[in-house]
């Protein structure tokens, strides 16, 4: 199997910020250990579900080693979990699955396909809608997930997209120059022609944001219907060509460290990178890759 980031150079790592002697904000620490997103934990603090050293925690409280924590009624020893490895899974999400913990309608969710982490819980890096398939990064390190998702980092995503309808040169120019959507301007960084015949054509597109249904909405703004959408890359990590839908692959330790450095986190933050889980299930058959030789448009 081709290593996910083998053919793409790594961006220069950003330096990790120095440690704060006063401690870290409580919601940041709890998120890093995979208990939830920062926003979710801030809500828990407001609701009185987090106790710090025998009192209800407040927004702005900072955690230091040795502090006593109770979260949702359960004592939590973060110091004992410092050596737990940072883990990152590459999951090939199929169409029809939701990126959520549970669905009131009983539809399948991605987290039932993943192994149980030793600490905390898995956090998905962004979302793919129910009709989109492809690469989804999942980690047990909340701060890593937060930095990878943050809009200010403008991390590049690449999608293979099959469209239905006539596409001409002027339309592609508009899509790369920028169009106005209901929630603000948006554009593709690049558009690559990738094969197809007649009204059905494949393109590879890149963009640096993750707004809801942004790829579909950009094409729909031109009167074009998206009939299939696959995320094939996030940052420098490609969807492995032999990774079947509903299976995952764990990043090896050196690539986890590269990913931490990419977002300015020291490899030791939240534990050093661990070894791939033996329960990981890489596919044995090649995934279908749409289109032919791409032609780039910027």
Protein backbone atom coordinates (compact mmCIF):
# COMPACT_ATOMS: atom_id res chain seq x y z
CA UNK A 1 0.00 0.00 0.00
CA UNK A 2 1.26 3.45 -0.87
CA UNK A 3 2.11 5.51 2.20
CA UNK A 4 -0.58 8.25 2.44
CA UNK A 5 1.83 11.17 2.38
CA UNK A 6 4.63 9.56 0.41
CA UNK A 7 4.24 11.55 -2.80
CA UNK A 8 3.53 14.96 -1.34
CA UNK A 9 6.11 17.17 0.41
CA UNK A 10 5.41 18.12 4.00
CA UNK A 11 5.00 21.82 4.76
CA UNK A 12 7.59 23.25 7.12
CA UNK A 13 6.47 22.56 10.71
CA UNK A 14 5.43 25.60 12.71
CA UNK A 15 7.22 26.06 16.04
CA UNK A 16 5.34 24.88 19.10
CA UNK A 17 4.38 27.65 21.55
CA UNK A 18 6.28 27.73 24.86
CA UNK A 19 4.62 26.17 27.89
CA UNK A 20 2.63 28.55 30.10
CA UNK A 21 3.83 28.29 33.73
CA UNK A 22 0.35 29.32 34.90
CA UNK A 23 -1.12 26.26 33.22
CA UNK A 24 -3.39 25.77 30.21
CA UNK A 25 -7.03 26.71 29.88
CA UNK A 26 -9.15 23.87 31.19
CA UNK A 27 -11.26 23.41 28.06
CA UNK A 28 -8.12 23.22 25.93
CA UNK A 29 -6.60 20.51 28.12
CA UNK A 30 -9.78 18.42 28.22
CA UNK A 31 -10.20 18.74 24.45
CA UNK A 32 -6.62 17.65 23.88
CA UNK A 33 -7.30 14.47 25.80
CA UNK A 34 -10.22 13.66 23.53
CA UNK A 35 -13.12 14.31 25.88
CA UNK A 36 -14.83 16.55 23.36
CA UNK A 37 -14.42 19.69 21.32
CA UNK A 38 -13.50 22.96 23.00
CA UNK A 39 -16.97 24.34 22.39
CA UNK A 40 -18.61 21.26 23.84
CA UNK A 41 -16.44 21.38 26.96
CA UNK A 42 -17.11 25.10 27.40
CA UNK A 43 -20.81 24.20 27.46
CA UNK A 44 -20.14 21.55 30.12
CA UNK A 45 -18.33 24.15 32.23
CA UNK A 46 -21.26 26.58 31.97
CA UNK A 47 -23.64 23.78 32.95
CA UNK A 48 -21.63 22.89 36.07
CA UNK A 49 -20.56 19.50 34.76
CA UNK A 50 -16.85 20.08 35.42
CA UNK A 51 -15.29 20.35 38.89
CA UNK A 52 -11.74 21.61 39.53
CA UNK A 53 -10.15 21.06 42.96
CA UNK A 54 -13.46 20.66 44.74
CA UNK A 55 -15.38 23.56 43.16
CA UNK A 56 -17.34 24.13 40.00
CA UNK A 57 -15.00 25.10 37.18
CA UNK A 58 -15.41 28.42 35.41
CA UNK A 59 -14.44 29.57 31.95
CA UNK A 60 -10.92 30.94 32.20
CA UNK A 61 -9.76 28.40 34.79
CA UNK A 62 -6.38 26.86 34.08
CA UNK A 63 -5.22 23.31 34.69
CA UNK A 64 -1.87 22.43 36.26
CA UNK A 65 -0.42 18.97 36.96
CA UNK A 66 -1.80 17.59 40.21
CA UNK A 67 -5.16 19.36 39.97
CA UNK A 68 -8.21 17.25 40.83
CA UNK A 69 -10.84 17.01 38.09
CA UNK A 70 -14.34 15.58 37.97
CA UNK A 71 -16.05 15.59 34.57
CA UNK A 72 -19.69 14.54 34.22
CA UNK A 73 -19.55 12.94 37.67
CA UNK A 74 -16.40 10.89 37.02
CA UNK A 75 -12.94 11.59 38.52
CA UNK A 76 -10.38 12.16 35.80
CA UNK A 77 -6.64 11.67 36.28
CA UNK A 78 -5.02 13.48 33.37
CA UNK A 79 -1.52 13.08 34.76
CA UNK A 80 -1.80 9.29 34.46
CA UNK A 81 -2.76 9.66 30.80
CA UNK A 82 0.15 11.86 29.72
CA UNK A 83 1.99 8.92 28.16
CA UNK A 84 -0.94 7.74 26.05
CA UNK A 85 0.02 7.95 22.36
CA UNK A 86 -1.45 10.46 19.96
CA UNK A 87 -3.32 8.48 17.33
CA UNK A 88 -4.64 9.43 13.91
CA UNK A 89 -6.80 7.18 11.75
CA UNK A 90 -7.54 7.58 8.05
CA UNK A 91 -11.11 6.42 7.55
CA UNK A 92 -12.71 5.90 4.14
CA UNK A 93 -16.22 7.14 4.73
CA UNK A 94 -18.84 5.73 2.36
CA UNK A 95 -21.97 7.51 1.20
CA UNK A 96 -24.89 6.91 3.54
CA UNK A 97 -22.90 7.24 6.78
CA UNK A 98 -23.10 10.23 9.11
CA UNK A 99 -20.20 11.94 10.88
CA UNK A 100 -21.93 12.04 14.27
CA UNK A 101 -22.03 10.03 17.51
CA UNK A 102 -25.62 8.90 17.14
CA UNK A 103 -28.53 9.52 14.81
CA UNK A 104 -32.15 9.73 16.04
CA UNK A 105 -33.29 8.16 12.75
CA UNK A 106 -31.04 5.14 13.26
CA UNK A 107 -28.84 5.76 10.22
CA UNK A 108 -25.27 4.38 10.31
CA UNK A 109 -22.57 6.56 11.88
CA UNK A 110 -18.80 6.42 11.35
CA UNK A 111 -17.82 5.85 14.98
CA UNK A 112 -19.31 2.34 15.08
CA UNK A 113 -16.71 1.33 12.48
CA UNK A 114 -13.70 2.40 14.60
CA UNK A 115 -11.83 0.69 17.47
CA UNK A 116 -12.32 2.05 20.96
CA UNK A 117 -9.46 4.40 21.93
CA UNK A 118 -7.52 3.81 25.15
CA UNK A 119 -8.42 7.30 26.38
CA UNK A 120 -11.15 9.80 25.63
CA UNK A 121 -12.94 9.33 22.35
CA UNK A 122 -12.37 9.75 18.65
CA UNK A 123 -12.79 13.24 17.23
CA UNK A 124 -13.48 13.68 13.52
CA UNK A 125 -11.49 16.38 11.76
CA UNK A 126 -14.35 18.19 10.07
CA UNK A 127 -17.31 16.51 8.42
CA UNK A 128 -18.39 14.94 5.17
CA UNK A 129 -22.11 15.08 4.45
CA UNK A 130 -24.14 11.91 4.10
CA UNK A 131 -23.84 11.88 0.29
CA UNK A 132 -20.06 12.46 0.22
CA UNK A 133 -17.46 9.73 0.56
CA UNK A 134 -13.71 9.69 0.95
CA UNK A 135 -10.93 10.59 3.36
CA UNK A 136 -11.83 11.50 6.93
CA UNK A 137 -9.14 12.04 9.57
CA UNK A 138 -10.03 10.88 13.09
CA UNK A 139 -7.85 11.45 16.17
CA UNK A 140 -7.86 11.06 19.96
CA UNK A 141 -6.08 14.44 20.32
CA UNK A 142 -8.59 17.26 20.61
CA UNK A 143 -6.16 20.14 20.12
CA UNK A 144 -4.76 18.53 16.96
CA UNK A 145 -8.29 18.20 15.59
CA UNK A 146 -9.10 21.79 16.55
CA UNK A 147 -6.05 23.20 14.77
CA UNK A 148 -6.61 21.11 11.65
CA UNK A 149 -10.21 22.36 11.43
CA UNK A 150 -9.64 26.02 12.30
CA UNK A 151 -10.51 28.29 9.33
CA UNK A 152 -7.50 30.55 9.97
CA UNK A 153 -5.11 27.77 8.91
CA UNK A 154 -6.67 27.49 5.43
CA UNK A 155 -5.65 23.85 5.08
CA UNK A 156 -6.10 22.57 1.54
CA UNK A 157 -8.61 19.86 0.70
CA UNK A 158 -8.88 18.04 -2.63
CA UNK A 159 -12.02 16.40 -4.03
CA UNK A 160 -12.81 14.24 -7.03
CA UNK A 161 -16.18 15.39 -8.32
CA UNK A 162 -18.43 14.05 -11.08
CA UNK A 163 -20.74 16.68 -12.49
CA UNK A 164 -23.78 16.56 -14.75
CA UNK A 165 -24.25 19.44 -17.16
CA UNK A 166 -22.36 21.52 -19.71
CA UNK A 167 -19.09 22.98 -18.36
CA UNK A 168 -17.25 25.61 -20.40
CA UNK A 169 -14.08 27.66 -20.05
CA UNK A 170 -15.80 30.78 -18.71
CA UNK A 171 -17.54 28.76 -15.99
CA UNK A 172 -14.23 27.30 -14.79
CA UNK A 173 -12.71 30.78 -14.72
CA UNK A 174 -15.58 32.03 -12.55
CA UNK A 175 -15.19 29.12 -10.13
CA UNK A 176 -11.49 29.82 -9.62
CA UNK A 177 -11.90 33.62 -9.57
CA UNK A 178 -14.71 33.47 -7.00
CA UNK A 179 -18.50 33.53 -6.82
CA UNK A 180 -20.88 34.96 -4.23
CA UNK A 181 -22.79 32.38 -2.17
CA UNK A 182 -25.49 33.01 0.45
CA UNK A 183 -22.86 32.91 3.23
CA UNK A 184 -20.15 34.89 1.45
CA UNK A 185 -17.69 34.60 -1.44
CA UNK A 186 -16.02 31.28 -2.22
CA UNK A 187 -13.80 29.79 -4.90
CA UNK A 188 -11.76 26.78 -5.90
CA UNK A 189 -7.99 27.13 -5.68
CA UNK A 190 -7.57 24.83 -8.67
CA UNK A 191 -9.80 22.85 -11.05
CA UNK A 192 -8.35 19.86 -12.89
CA UNK A 193 -10.15 18.10 -15.72
CA UNK A 194 -10.07 14.36 -15.01
CA UNK A 195 -11.95 12.55 -17.74
CA UNK A 196 -15.49 11.56 -18.54
CA UNK A 197 -17.71 11.65 -21.59
CA UNK A 198 -20.84 13.45 -22.66
CA UNK A 199 -22.75 15.25 -19.91
CA UNK A 200 -20.94 13.39 -17.11
CA UNK A 201 -17.42 14.68 -16.48
CA UNK A 202 -14.89 14.28 -13.67
CA UNK A 203 -12.89 17.12 -12.14
CA UNK A 204 -10.43 17.37 -9.27
CA UNK A 205 -10.88 20.56 -7.26
CA UNK A 206 -8.96 22.03 -4.34
CA UNK A 207 -10.05 24.64 -1.79
CA UNK A 208 -8.88 25.95 1.56
CA UNK A 209 -12.06 25.95 3.61
CA UNK A 210 -14.62 23.51 4.93
CA UNK A 211 -17.94 25.33 4.90
CA UNK A 212 -21.01 23.10 4.77
CA UNK A 213 -21.53 21.57 1.29
CA UNK A 214 -19.14 24.13 -0.17
CA UNK A 215 -18.04 22.03 -3.17
CA UNK A 216 -21.62 21.19 -4.16
CA UNK A 217 -22.79 24.76 -3.67
CA UNK A 218 -20.02 26.19 -5.83
CA UNK A 219 -20.97 23.95 -8.74
CA UNK A 220 -24.69 24.52 -8.14
CA UNK A 221 -24.10 28.28 -8.38
CA UNK A 222 -23.28 27.62 -12.05
CA UNK A 223 -26.35 25.46 -12.66
CA UNK A 224 -24.32 22.23 -12.50
CA UNK A 225 -25.38 19.14 -10.55
CA UNK A 226 -22.83 17.13 -8.55
CA UNK A 227 -23.61 13.43 -8.99
CA UNK A 228 -20.65 12.06 -7.01
CA UNK A 229 -18.18 13.62 -4.57
CA UNK A 230 -15.08 12.03 -3.03
CA UNK A 231 -12.53 13.71 -0.77
CA UNK A 232 -9.14 12.38 -1.89
CA UNK A 233 -6.78 14.54 0.17
CA UNK A 234 -6.63 16.59 3.37
CA UNK A 235 -3.49 18.75 3.76
CA UNK A 236 -0.59 16.53 2.63
CA UNK A 237 -2.40 13.26 3.40
CA UNK A 238 -3.90 11.35 0.47
CA UNK A 239 -6.70 8.79 0.55
CA UNK A 240 -4.77 5.49 0.24
CA UNK A 241 -5.71 3.92 -3.10
CA UNK A 242 -6.23 0.46 -1.58
CA UNK A 243 -8.34 1.60 1.38
CA UNK A 244 -11.87 0.32 0.87
CA UNK A 245 -14.96 2.15 2.10
CA UNK A 246 -15.82 1.46 5.78
CA UNK A 247 -12.19 0.58 6.59
CA UNK A 248 -9.45 2.56 8.32
CA UNK A 249 -5.69 2.79 8.39
CA UNK A 250 -3.64 4.17 11.30
CA UNK A 251 -0.88 6.67 10.58
CA UNK A 252 2.56 5.44 11.67
CA UNK A 253 4.30 7.34 14.51
CA UNK A 254 6.61 9.40 12.30
CA UNK A 255 3.70 10.72 10.26
CA UNK A 256 1.73 11.56 13.40
CA UNK A 257 4.70 13.61 14.58
CA UNK A 258 4.86 15.38 11.20
CA UNK A 259 1.16 16.21 11.46
CA UNK A 260 1.61 17.59 14.99
CA UNK A 261 4.50 19.73 13.79
CA UNK A 262 2.49 20.93 10.81
CA UNK A 263 0.00 22.62 13.16
CA UNK A 264 2.61 23.83 15.64
CA UNK A 265 2.24 21.16 18.31
CA UNK A 266 5.25 19.46 19.86
CA UNK A 267 5.19 15.66 19.44
CA UNK A 268 5.23 15.20 23.24
CA UNK A 269 2.01 17.22 23.76
CA UNK A 270 -0.64 14.81 24.99
CA UNK A 271 1.73 11.86 24.71
CA UNK A 272 4.17 10.72 22.06
CA UNK A 273 3.02 9.06 18.89
CA UNK A 274 2.24 5.39 19.29
CA UNK A 275 2.44 2.30 17.12
CA UNK A 276 -0.27 1.45 14.60
CA UNK A 277 -3.16 -0.50 16.11
CA UNK A 278 -3.14 -4.16 15.10
CA UNK A 279 -6.93 -3.94 14.83
CA UNK A 280 -6.66 -1.48 11.95
CA UNK A 281 -8.23 -2.85 8.82
CA UNK A 282 -6.45 -1.80 5.62
CA UNK A 283 -8.23 -2.96 2.50
CA UNK A 284 -6.95 -5.79 0.33
CA UNK A 285 -8.48 -4.57 -2.92
CA UNK A 286 -7.86 -1.33 -4.74
CA UNK A 287 -10.34 1.48 -4.38
CA UNK A 288 -11.74 2.81 -7.64
CA UNK A 289 -10.10 6.03 -8.75
CA UNK A 290 -12.21 8.24 -11.00
CA UNK A 291 -11.06 10.01 -14.13
CA UNK A 292 -7.90 9.92 -16.16
CA UNK A 293 -4.87 12.20 -16.45
CA UNK A 294 -5.83 15.56 -14.87
CA UNK A 295 -5.24 18.90 -16.52
CA UNK A 296 -4.73 21.75 -14.09
CA UNK A 297 -6.52 25.08 -14.16
CA UNK A 298 -5.58 27.84 -11.68
